[in-house]
Amino acid sequence: MIGADGAADAQAAAQAAAWARFESVLAELVAELPCLRQPVADDAGACPLQGPVARRMWAACVPLRAEAAGFITPMAAVAGAVAQELIACYQRPGISRAWVNNGGDIALHLAPGASARVGLFADLDRFDAAAASRTAEGSLRTDAGFTVRADDPVRGVATSGWRGRSQSRGIADAVTVLAASAAMADAAATVIANAVDVDDARIQRQPANALRDDSDLGERLVTVAVPPLPAALVEQALQRGLACARRLQAQGLVHAALLVCQGSLARLPAVSALESPPALVQ
């Protein structure tokens, strides 16, 4: 989903450029897919990839390798990297702001003085498309929202968790990350969501390649079901994820993060723009 504000001629030119770029970007990624599914190597000095989006994916994952316990593939940044490639088409005179939302991973363009409000829907298990369409506004009621302004060091917002389309090794319902780029936000959200975890026999996990034979995670276990857990375990999981987020923030890789697990919320102090805490948080 792409949206833009600005002069009509500038919007038309940007849209045409974005469509032309999108027509080739997927083929470029497929051509390098075997390499994109390989983990970033110990010696990450030379990028083995050729395409600009593929190289952006790799670059976003390299500094996260230690937090990912030595295993992260460029695929952790694919959605954000594609969104970032397309938002470049809107970075032109006449466009005051634009956003590319690639399945929840968002790249932003904000001209001086512009801002964008981003909504947070914390638990996909509660999502009811029919109910959303019946609201007076015809839109989804989010749990919370925050505003990104042009003078903020944020141009990417991404969310990861075990309930989403991507596989996760943790139990977070949603980890939303704000970062300088959409590729970095995407990869960091993946790593932090993996860190929101506890050892409990009631949590169901399966090998990633048993669920999706082309998974870049191979036989590594991913979460498939999480029962209601005691509050102490939920808090423990959130604190593990928050510690990971703080380390990434200290390295300048993450600006802010919101972590949600079973109705509880943790956040980095930088998320001062959160307009309201999620309604589900007790």
Protein backbone atom coordinates (compact mmCIF):
# COMPACT_ATOMS: atom_id res chain seq x y z
CA MET A 1 0.00 0.00 0.00
CA ILE A 2 1.39 3.36 -1.02
CA GLY A 3 0.14 6.80 -0.10
CA ALA A 4 1.47 10.27 -0.87
CA ASP A 5 0.59 13.92 -0.36
CA GLY A 6 1.72 16.69 -2.65
CA ALA A 7 1.28 18.26 -6.06
CA ALA A 8 -0.72 16.13 -8.49
CA ASP A 9 1.98 16.09 -11.16
CA ALA A 10 4.66 15.11 -8.64
CA GLN A 11 2.45 12.32 -7.31
CA ALA A 12 1.81 10.99 -10.81
CA ALA A 13 5.51 11.00 -11.67
CA ALA A 14 6.43 9.29 -8.40
CA GLN A 15 3.75 6.66 -8.86
CA ALA A 16 4.93 5.88 -12.37
CA ALA A 17 8.52 5.58 -11.17
CA ALA A 18 7.51 3.34 -8.26
CA TRP A 19 5.51 1.04 -10.53
CA ALA A 20 8.37 0.77 -13.00
CA ARG A 21 10.79 -0.09 -10.19
CA PHE A 22 8.45 -2.64 -8.66
CA GLU A 23 8.15 -4.48 -11.95
CA SER A 24 11.82 -5.47 -11.76
CA VAL A 25 12.60 -5.67 -8.06
CA LEU A 26 11.09 -9.09 -7.37
CA ALA A 27 12.86 -10.73 -10.31
CA GLU A 28 16.14 -9.28 -9.04
CA LEU A 29 15.59 -10.81 -5.61
CA VAL A 30 14.55 -14.20 -6.98
CA ALA A 31 17.75 -14.33 -9.04
CA GLU A 32 19.78 -14.13 -5.82
CA LEU A 33 17.40 -16.06 -3.57
CA PRO A 34 19.74 -19.00 -2.79
CA CYS A 35 22.34 -16.57 -1.46
CA LEU A 36 19.75 -14.45 0.34
CA ARG A 37 18.66 -17.53 2.30
CA GLN A 38 22.19 -18.17 3.55
CA PRO A 39 23.24 -16.75 6.92
CA VAL A 40 25.43 -13.69 7.02
CA ALA A 41 28.93 -15.13 7.31
CA ASP A 42 31.42 -14.66 10.13
CA ASP A 43 33.60 -12.61 7.80
CA ALA A 44 31.06 -10.00 6.74
CA GLY A 45 33.60 -7.70 5.15
CA ALA A 46 32.52 -8.25 1.55
CA CYS A 47 28.89 -8.41 0.50
CA PRO A 48 28.33 -11.41 -1.81
CA LEU A 49 25.16 -9.95 -3.34
CA GLN A 50 24.72 -7.81 -6.45
CA GLY A 51 21.30 -6.11 -6.56
CA PRO A 52 20.71 -2.86 -4.63
CA VAL A 53 17.81 -4.29 -2.61
CA ALA A 54 19.68 -7.51 -1.84
CA ARG A 55 22.74 -5.55 -0.73
CA ARG A 56 20.55 -3.35 1.47
CA MET A 57 19.10 -6.45 3.12
CA TRP A 58 22.57 -7.81 3.79
CA ALA A 59 23.84 -4.49 5.17
CA ALA A 60 20.91 -4.24 7.59
CA CYS A 61 21.57 -7.73 8.97
CA VAL A 62 25.36 -7.58 9.38
CA PRO A 63 25.35 -5.45 12.57
CA LEU A 64 22.60 -7.63 14.10
CA ARG A 65 24.53 -10.89 13.79
CA ALA A 66 25.74 -10.94 17.42
CA GLU A 67 22.26 -10.28 18.82
CA ALA A 68 20.90 -13.01 16.55
CA ALA A 69 23.26 -15.52 18.20
CA GLY A 70 25.32 -15.74 15.04
CA PHE A 71 22.46 -16.68 12.73
CA ILE A 72 20.61 -14.18 10.59
CA THR A 73 19.93 -14.22 6.86
CA PRO A 74 19.29 -11.19 4.65
CA MET A 75 15.67 -12.37 4.36
CA ALA A 76 15.09 -10.83 7.80
CA ALA A 77 15.06 -7.44 6.06
CA VAL A 78 13.32 -8.26 2.76
CA ALA A 79 9.97 -6.51 3.24
CA GLY A 80 11.50 -3.37 4.70
CA ALA A 81 14.23 -3.25 2.06
CA VAL A 82 11.68 -3.42 -0.76
CA ALA A 83 9.58 -0.68 0.87
CA GLN A 84 12.71 1.44 1.19
CA GLU A 85 13.55 0.95 -2.49
CA LEU A 86 10.12 2.19 -3.54
CA ILE A 87 9.96 5.17 -1.19
CA ALA A 88 12.99 6.60 -3.02
CA CYS A 89 10.68 7.26 -5.97
CA TYR A 90 8.73 9.74 -3.82
CA GLN A 91 11.72 11.67 -2.50
CA ARG A 92 11.34 14.51 -4.98
CA PRO A 93 10.19 18.13 -5.03
CA GLY A 94 6.42 18.47 -4.77
CA ILE A 95 5.90 15.47 -2.45
CA SER A 96 5.37 16.57 1.15
CA ARG A 97 5.11 13.07 2.58
CA ALA A 98 4.73 9.48 1.42
CA TRP A 99 4.62 6.01 2.86
CA VAL A 100 5.11 2.52 1.48
CA ASN A 101 3.51 -0.15 3.67
CA ASN A 102 4.79 -3.60 2.67
CA GLY A 103 2.75 -5.94 4.85
CA GLY A 104 3.27 -3.81 7.95
CA ASP A 105 6.88 -2.86 7.25
CA ILE A 106 6.77 0.83 6.43
CA ALA A 107 9.16 3.24 4.72
CA LEU A 108 8.49 6.96 5.13
CA HIS A 109 9.33 10.11 3.23
CA LEU A 110 8.76 13.29 5.22
CA ALA A 111 9.61 16.70 3.84
CA PRO A 112 10.50 19.41 6.39
CA GLY A 113 7.55 20.09 8.65
CA ALA A 114 5.65 16.93 7.66
CA SER A 115 4.62 14.10 9.95
CA ALA A 116 2.90 10.71 9.78
CA ARG A 117 0.82 8.91 12.36
CA VAL A 118 1.37 5.16 12.59
CA GLY A 119 -1.19 2.91 14.27
CA LEU A 120 -0.31 -0.17 16.32
CA PHE A 121 -2.50 -3.27 16.26
CA ALA A 122 -0.90 -5.46 18.88
CA ASP A 123 -2.56 -8.85 18.53
CA LEU A 124 -3.49 -10.26 15.13
CA ASP A 125 -5.52 -12.99 16.83
CA ARG A 126 -8.10 -10.33 17.66
CA PHE A 127 -8.25 -8.90 14.15
CA ASP A 128 -11.74 -8.90 12.65
CA ALA A 129 -11.80 -7.48 9.13
CA ALA A 130 -15.61 -7.55 9.01
CA ALA A 131 -15.89 -5.54 12.23
CA ALA A 132 -13.37 -3.01 10.95
CA SER A 133 -15.41 -2.48 7.80
CA ARG A 134 -18.49 -1.77 9.92
CA THR A 135 -16.94 1.11 11.85
CA ALA A 136 -18.28 4.58 11.16
CA GLU A 137 -14.96 5.58 9.62
CA GLY A 138 -14.62 2.30 7.72
CA SER A 139 -11.17 1.82 9.21
CA LEU A 140 -9.45 -0.32 11.80
CA ARG A 141 -9.48 0.79 15.43
CA THR A 142 -5.88 0.45 16.55
CA ASP A 143 -4.64 -0.23 20.07
CA ALA A 144 -2.28 2.73 20.07
CA GLY A 145 -0.57 5.16 17.76
CA PHE A 146 2.50 7.34 17.52
CA THR A 147 3.58 10.19 15.32
CA VAL A 148 6.82 10.34 13.33
CA ARG A 149 7.91 13.86 12.47
CA ALA A 150 10.33 15.04 9.83
CA ASP A 151 12.94 16.03 12.40
CA ASP A 152 12.86 12.57 14.04
CA PRO A 153 15.69 10.19 13.05
CA VAL A 154 13.09 7.66 11.87
CA ARG A 155 12.16 6.69 8.33
CA GLY A 156 11.30 3.05 8.91
CA VAL A 157 8.73 1.26 11.07
CA ALA A 158 8.37 -2.52 11.17
CA THR A 159 6.58 -5.13 13.27
CA SER A 160 7.41 -8.78 13.93
CA GLY A 161 5.94 -11.50 16.13
CA TRP A 162 4.90 -15.12 16.16
CA ARG A 163 1.34 -14.38 15.00
CA GLY A 164 2.37 -12.70 11.77
CA ARG A 165 3.10 -14.06 8.31
CA SER A 166 6.78 -14.55 9.05
CA GLN A 167 8.16 -17.22 11.33
CA SER A 168 9.41 -16.21 14.77
CA ARG A 169 11.42 -18.04 17.39
CA GLY A 170 9.91 -15.98 20.22
CA ILE A 171 6.49 -15.49 21.80
CA ALA A 172 5.90 -11.78 21.24
CA ASP A 173 2.50 -10.90 19.80
CA ALA A 174 4.05 -7.79 18.29
CA VAL A 175 7.39 -6.01 18.39
CA THR A 176 7.28 -2.67 16.61
CA VAL A 177 10.61 -0.97 15.89
CA LEU A 178 11.34 2.57 14.75
CA ALA A 179 14.68 2.99 12.97
CA ALA A 180 16.47 5.18 10.49
CA SER A 181 15.50 2.93 7.59
CA ALA A 182 12.79 0.40 6.83
CA ALA A 183 15.35 -2.35 6.18
CA MET A 184 16.96 -1.86 9.59
CA ALA A 185 13.57 -1.64 11.33
CA ASP A 186 12.50 -4.90 9.67
CA ALA A 187 15.64 -6.84 10.61
CA ALA A 188 15.76 -5.43 14.14
CA ALA A 189 12.10 -6.21 14.78
CA THR A 190 12.81 -9.82 13.78
CA VAL A 191 15.76 -10.11 16.16
CA ILE A 192 13.99 -8.45 19.10
CA ALA A 193 10.84 -10.54 18.60
CA ASN A 194 13.00 -13.68 18.69
CA ALA A 195 14.44 -12.50 22.00
CA VAL A 196 10.99 -12.16 23.62
CA ASP A 197 10.98 -15.75 24.83
CA VAL A 198 10.96 -18.13 27.80
CA ASP A 199 11.44 -21.85 28.26
CA ASP A 200 8.06 -23.45 28.92
CA ALA A 201 6.90 -26.89 27.79
CA ARG A 202 3.43 -25.56 26.97
CA ILE A 203 4.77 -23.37 24.16
CA GLN A 204 4.48 -25.31 20.90
CA ARG A 205 7.34 -25.14 18.42
CA GLN A 206 8.13 -26.91 15.17
CA PRO A 207 11.07 -26.96 12.76
CA ALA A 208 10.71 -24.04 10.38
CA ASN A 209 11.20 -26.19 7.29
CA ALA A 210 8.42 -28.54 8.41
CA LEU A 211 6.00 -25.63 8.07
CA ARG A 212 7.54 -24.07 4.96
CA ASP A 213 10.01 -26.15 3.01
CA ASP A 214 11.80 -23.10 1.62
CA SER A 215 12.29 -21.43 5.02
CA ASP A 216 15.69 -19.81 5.46
CA LEU A 217 15.58 -20.97 9.11
CA GLY A 218 15.99 -24.63 8.17
CA GLU A 219 15.40 -26.99 11.10
CA ARG A 220 15.47 -24.24 13.73
CA LEU A 221 12.39 -24.30 15.92
CA VAL A 222 9.76 -21.60 15.44
CA THR A 223 6.72 -20.83 17.56
CA VAL A 224 3.36 -22.15 16.40
CA ALA A 225 1.17 -21.81 19.52
CA VAL A 226 1.44 -20.00 22.83
CA PRO A 227 -1.08 -20.72 25.62
CA PRO A 228 -1.92 -18.16 28.29
CA LEU A 229 1.17 -17.89 30.47
CA PRO A 230 1.64 -16.71 34.07
CA ALA A 231 2.30 -13.00 34.33
CA ALA A 232 5.79 -13.64 35.70
CA LEU A 233 6.79 -15.60 32.59
CA VAL A 234 5.34 -12.96 30.28
CA GLU A 235 7.29 -10.29 32.11
CA GLN A 236 10.47 -12.36 31.90
CA ALA A 237 10.03 -12.76 28.15
CA LEU A 238 9.39 -9.05 27.66
CA GLN A 239 12.44 -8.09 29.72
CA ARG A 240 14.64 -10.33 27.58
CA GLY A 241 13.35 -8.63 24.47
CA LEU A 242 13.69 -5.19 26.02
CA ALA A 243 17.31 -5.90 26.96
CA CYS A 244 17.99 -6.81 23.33
CA ALA A 245 16.27 -3.64 22.12
CA ARG A 246 18.32 -1.51 24.52
CA ARG A 247 21.57 -2.98 23.26
CA LEU A 248 20.57 -2.22 19.67
CA GLN A 249 19.54 1.28 20.67
CA ALA A 250 22.91 1.82 22.34
CA GLN A 251 24.58 0.92 19.03
CA GLY A 252 22.46 3.47 17.19
CA LEU A 253 20.62 0.79 15.22
CA VAL A 254 17.18 1.28 16.78
CA HIS A 255 15.52 4.53 17.77
CA ALA A 256 12.62 3.07 19.74
CA ALA A 257 10.61 -0.11 20.21
CA LEU A 258 7.27 -1.31 21.54
CA LEU A 259 6.98 -4.92 22.70
CA VAL A 260 3.61 -6.58 23.37
CA CYS A 261 3.04 -10.06 24.78
CA GLN A 262 -0.27 -11.38 26.10
CA GLY A 263 -1.65 -8.01 27.09
CA SER A 264 1.54 -6.60 28.60
CA LEU A 265 3.64 -3.84 27.11
CA ALA A 266 7.31 -2.90 27.32
CA ARG A 267 8.83 0.08 25.57
CA LEU A 268 12.10 1.86 25.13
CA PRO A 269 12.11 5.31 26.81
CA ALA A 270 12.43 7.02 23.43
CA VAL A 271 8.84 6.16 22.54
CA SER A 272 7.57 9.37 24.09
CA ALA A 273 5.23 9.96 21.16
CA LEU A 274 3.03 7.00 22.02
CA GLU A 275 -0.39 8.63 22.01
CA SER A 276 -2.13 6.06 24.16
CA PRO A 277 -1.08 2.75 25.69
CA PRO A 278 -2.62 -0.31 24.03
CA ALA A 279 -6.17 -0.76 25.28
CA LEU A 280 -5.48 -4.44 26.02
CA VAL A 281 -2.72 -3.65 28.52
CA GLN A 282 -3.98 -4.02 32.07
